[in-house]
Amino acid sequence: MAAIGIADLTVSVPDGFYPVRLDEDIDSEVWATEVVARAESESESGAIDHEGALRDELFDLRIRLLAQLNPYLTAAVYIRREQFLSLGALMTFQVVEVEPEHDPAWFEREARAVASSEDAEGHTILFDTWQRPAPAGTIAGVHQVVEYLAPGVEDGWIEARTVFGVFPPGSHEMVHFTFTTADLATFGDMPAETEAIVASLAIELEA
């Protein structure tokens, strides 16, 4: 049987996520301002963007994503709405073509090889992989916590990420998800919470 591709997909994201408008002709500052205004209006705690810090961070984030020149990328940001608004996490996903021998086990091996490479940025202090069945196909998951140190600087920063590959049966394409956060208080259980979003994936295969 010939392999088939993914014709369409949908993902359900929880409250607090806002799409990054990468495919629209909109100024990044305008987009960032719109997201902040919406987050402020939806904040039950009355949280605001203190001194425009979130707006500036969103502006820079969209610029970096656009610089990837990836027309297939979809992204959303999670905004924390506690005492003040802050960027909680970035979610990206896209459809990726894979070879017949590329399966969930391959995805885990590749992730482990990248994390342990001498050329890897930062120092990995936690790494875990797993597989789980889901309605759209088998999920291969990766959870990694990385410590970064800038040259000549004693104090660094920590970034946590989860990466998922969803492999629909019989398809020559997979869906690749990445969640990243520099605020470790964003999630109570990052692997479980982000996997729940990935597990909501519904796909339509080509006829």
Protein backbone atom coordinates (compact mmCIF):
# COMPACT_ATOMS: atom_id res chain seq x y z
CA MET A 1 0.00 0.00 0.00
CA ALA A 2 1.34 3.43 -0.95
CA ALA A 3 2.02 5.85 1.88
CA ILE A 4 -0.36 8.79 2.14
CA GLY A 5 0.05 12.31 3.46
CA ILE A 6 -1.78 14.58 5.87
CA ALA A 7 -4.46 16.69 4.19
CA ASP A 8 -5.62 18.69 7.22
CA LEU A 9 -5.25 18.85 10.99
CA THR A 10 -6.68 20.58 14.04
CA VAL A 11 -5.31 21.01 17.57
CA SER A 12 -7.18 22.09 20.70
CA VAL A 13 -5.22 24.44 22.95
CA PRO A 14 -6.22 25.56 26.47
CA ASP A 15 -7.20 29.04 27.49
CA GLY A 16 -4.24 31.40 27.65
CA PHE A 17 -2.70 30.49 24.29
CA TYR A 18 -2.62 33.15 21.57
CA PRO A 19 -1.71 32.44 17.92
CA VAL A 20 1.40 34.03 16.47
CA ARG A 21 0.26 35.48 13.17
CA LEU A 22 3.16 34.37 10.99
CA ASP A 23 1.29 34.10 7.69
CA GLU A 24 -0.28 37.56 7.78
CA ASP A 25 1.07 40.90 6.62
CA ILE A 26 1.01 42.58 10.02
CA ASP A 27 3.64 44.62 11.82
CA SER A 28 5.19 42.70 14.71
CA GLU A 29 4.68 45.59 17.14
CA VAL A 30 1.01 45.81 16.18
CA TRP A 31 0.58 42.07 16.70
CA ALA A 32 2.34 42.16 20.08
CA THR A 33 0.22 45.10 21.22
CA GLU A 34 -2.97 43.29 20.18
CA VAL A 35 -2.01 40.14 22.11
CA VAL A 36 -1.20 42.13 25.26
CA ALA A 37 -4.47 44.05 25.06
CA ARG A 38 -6.45 40.83 24.68
CA ALA A 39 -4.59 39.13 27.53
CA GLU A 40 -5.18 42.11 29.80
CA SER A 41 -8.90 42.12 28.99
CA GLU A 42 -9.13 38.38 29.73
CA SER A 43 -7.17 38.52 32.98
CA GLU A 44 -9.49 37.99 35.94
CA SER A 45 -6.70 39.04 38.31
CA GLY A 46 -6.30 42.42 36.62
CA ALA A 47 -2.74 41.60 35.52
CA ILE A 48 -1.12 44.10 33.15
CA ASP A 49 1.99 44.27 31.01
CA HIS A 50 4.43 45.94 33.40
CA GLU A 51 6.44 48.63 31.53
CA GLY A 52 5.71 46.96 28.20
CA ALA A 53 8.05 44.05 28.98
CA LEU A 54 5.75 41.42 27.52
CA ARG A 55 5.00 43.48 24.40
CA ASP A 56 8.73 43.84 23.72
CA GLU A 57 9.33 40.12 24.31
CA LEU A 58 6.52 39.15 21.94
CA PHE A 59 7.84 41.56 19.32
CA ASP A 60 11.30 39.96 19.45
CA LEU A 61 9.81 36.45 19.44
CA ARG A 62 7.80 37.03 16.27
CA ILE A 63 10.81 38.56 14.54
CA ARG A 64 12.89 35.46 15.38
CA LEU A 65 10.18 33.11 14.12
CA LEU A 66 9.77 35.04 10.87
CA ALA A 67 13.55 34.94 10.39
CA GLN A 68 13.33 31.14 10.11
CA LEU A 69 11.61 31.64 6.73
CA ASN A 70 9.51 28.54 7.38
CA PRO A 71 6.13 28.83 5.63
CA TYR A 72 4.93 25.57 7.21
CA LEU A 73 5.34 26.63 10.84
CA THR A 74 2.37 27.33 13.11
CA ALA A 75 3.01 28.94 16.49
CA ALA A 76 1.19 30.10 19.60
CA VAL A 77 2.29 31.72 22.84
CA TYR A 78 1.00 30.99 26.32
CA ILE A 79 0.59 34.13 28.43
CA ARG A 80 0.67 33.81 32.21
CA ARG A 81 -1.82 36.12 33.89
CA GLU A 82 -0.88 36.25 37.55
CA GLN A 83 0.24 39.50 39.21
CA PHE A 84 1.52 40.74 35.87
CA LEU A 85 1.46 39.38 32.33
CA SER A 86 4.44 37.29 31.28
CA LEU A 87 5.41 34.92 28.50
CA GLY A 88 4.88 31.41 29.79
CA ALA A 89 5.69 29.22 26.80
CA LEU A 90 6.00 28.98 23.04
CA MET A 91 4.31 26.20 21.09
CA THR A 92 5.18 25.43 17.46
CA PHE A 93 4.09 22.64 15.15
CA GLN A 94 4.35 21.64 11.53
CA VAL A 95 3.87 18.69 9.20
CA VAL A 96 7.15 17.00 8.27
CA GLU A 97 7.83 14.38 5.60
CA VAL A 98 9.54 11.23 6.86
CA GLU A 99 11.12 8.16 5.30
CA PRO A 100 9.45 4.73 5.63
CA GLU A 101 12.01 3.66 8.27
CA HIS A 102 11.35 6.74 10.39
CA ASP A 103 9.14 5.71 13.28
CA PRO A 104 8.65 6.74 16.93
CA ALA A 105 11.74 4.78 18.00
CA TRP A 106 13.80 6.65 15.39
CA PHE A 107 12.41 9.95 16.71
CA GLU A 108 13.58 9.08 20.23
CA ARG A 109 17.03 8.01 19.02
CA GLU A 110 17.48 11.23 17.04
CA ALA A 111 16.45 13.39 19.98
CA ARG A 112 18.89 11.59 22.27
CA ALA A 113 21.71 11.93 19.74
CA VAL A 114 21.12 15.66 19.37
CA ALA A 115 21.00 16.19 23.14
CA SER A 116 24.26 14.29 23.71
CA SER A 117 26.14 15.81 20.76
CA GLU A 118 29.32 17.75 21.49
CA ASP A 119 27.90 20.53 19.30
CA ALA A 120 24.72 20.82 21.34
CA GLU A 121 24.05 24.23 22.82
CA GLY A 122 23.81 24.29 26.58
CA HIS A 123 24.19 21.52 29.14
CA THR A 124 21.37 18.99 29.41
CA ILE A 125 20.48 18.37 33.04
CA LEU A 126 17.35 16.26 32.44
CA PHE A 127 16.37 14.10 29.48
CA ASP A 128 13.56 11.60 29.08
CA THR A 129 11.70 9.96 26.19
CA TRP A 130 8.54 7.86 25.90
CA GLN A 131 5.86 6.64 23.49
CA ARG A 132 2.10 6.69 23.82
CA PRO A 133 -0.84 5.77 21.57
CA ALA A 134 -3.22 8.58 20.59
CA PRO A 135 -6.22 8.94 18.25
CA ALA A 136 -4.07 10.54 15.52
CA GLY A 137 -1.26 7.99 15.79
CA THR A 138 1.65 7.02 18.01
CA ILE A 139 3.17 9.90 19.99
CA ALA A 140 6.91 9.92 20.61
CA GLY A 141 7.72 12.41 23.38
CA VAL A 142 10.89 14.05 24.66
CA HIS A 143 11.35 16.15 27.80
CA GLN A 144 14.61 18.05 28.15
CA VAL A 145 15.87 20.68 30.59
CA VAL A 146 18.93 22.61 29.45
CA GLU A 147 21.21 25.01 31.27
CA TYR A 148 22.74 27.78 29.18
CA LEU A 149 25.82 29.80 30.08
CA ALA A 150 26.94 32.76 28.02
CA PRO A 151 30.72 33.06 27.49
CA GLY A 152 32.38 34.87 30.38
CA VAL A 153 29.20 34.98 32.44
CA GLU A 154 28.79 33.02 35.68
CA ASP A 155 25.00 33.18 35.85
CA GLY A 156 23.11 31.39 33.11
CA TRP A 157 19.51 30.44 32.53
CA ILE A 158 17.41 27.29 32.36
CA GLU A 159 15.09 26.33 29.53
CA ALA A 160 12.72 23.39 29.52
CA ARG A 161 11.25 21.88 26.39
CA THR A 162 9.05 19.04 25.28
CA VAL A 163 9.23 17.77 21.72
CA PHE A 164 6.71 15.41 20.16
CA GLY A 165 6.40 13.50 16.93
CA VAL A 166 2.96 12.16 16.02
CA PHE A 167 3.09 9.31 13.52
CA PRO A 168 -0.25 8.55 11.81
CA PRO A 169 -0.43 4.93 10.60
CA GLY A 170 0.32 4.58 6.89
CA SER A 171 1.36 8.20 6.41
CA HIS A 172 4.66 9.42 4.95
CA GLU A 173 4.25 12.56 7.07
CA MET A 174 4.35 13.20 10.81
CA VAL A 175 3.38 16.20 12.93
CA HIS A 176 6.23 17.74 14.91
CA PHE A 177 5.45 19.75 18.07
CA THR A 178 7.81 21.76 20.27
CA PHE A 179 7.01 23.52 23.55
CA THR A 180 9.66 25.71 25.20
CA THR A 181 9.68 27.74 28.39
CA ALA A 182 12.22 29.70 30.39
CA ASP A 183 9.71 30.03 33.25
CA LEU A 184 9.70 26.70 35.04
CA ALA A 185 6.62 27.71 37.06
CA THR A 186 4.50 27.79 33.88
CA PHE A 187 3.63 24.09 34.08
CA GLY A 188 2.94 21.87 37.05
CA ASP A 189 3.81 18.82 34.95
CA MET A 190 5.19 19.97 31.59
CA PRO A 191 5.38 16.53 29.89
CA ALA A 192 1.80 15.60 30.84
CA GLU A 193 0.26 19.01 30.17
CA THR A 194 1.88 19.51 26.78
CA GLU A 195 1.22 15.91 25.75
CA ALA A 196 -2.47 16.49 26.48
CA ILE A 197 -2.44 19.26 23.87
CA VAL A 198 -0.65 17.03 21.37
CA ALA A 199 -3.10 14.18 22.05
CA SER A 200 -5.96 16.51 20.98
CA LEU A 201 -4.56 16.43 17.44
CA ALA A 202 -7.11 15.36 14.86
CA ILE A 203 -5.89 14.70 11.32
CA GLU A 204 -7.42 14.07 7.95
CA LEU A 205 -5.35 11.90 5.64
CA GLU A 206 -5.30 12.30 1.89
CA ALA A 207 -7.90 10.25 0.09
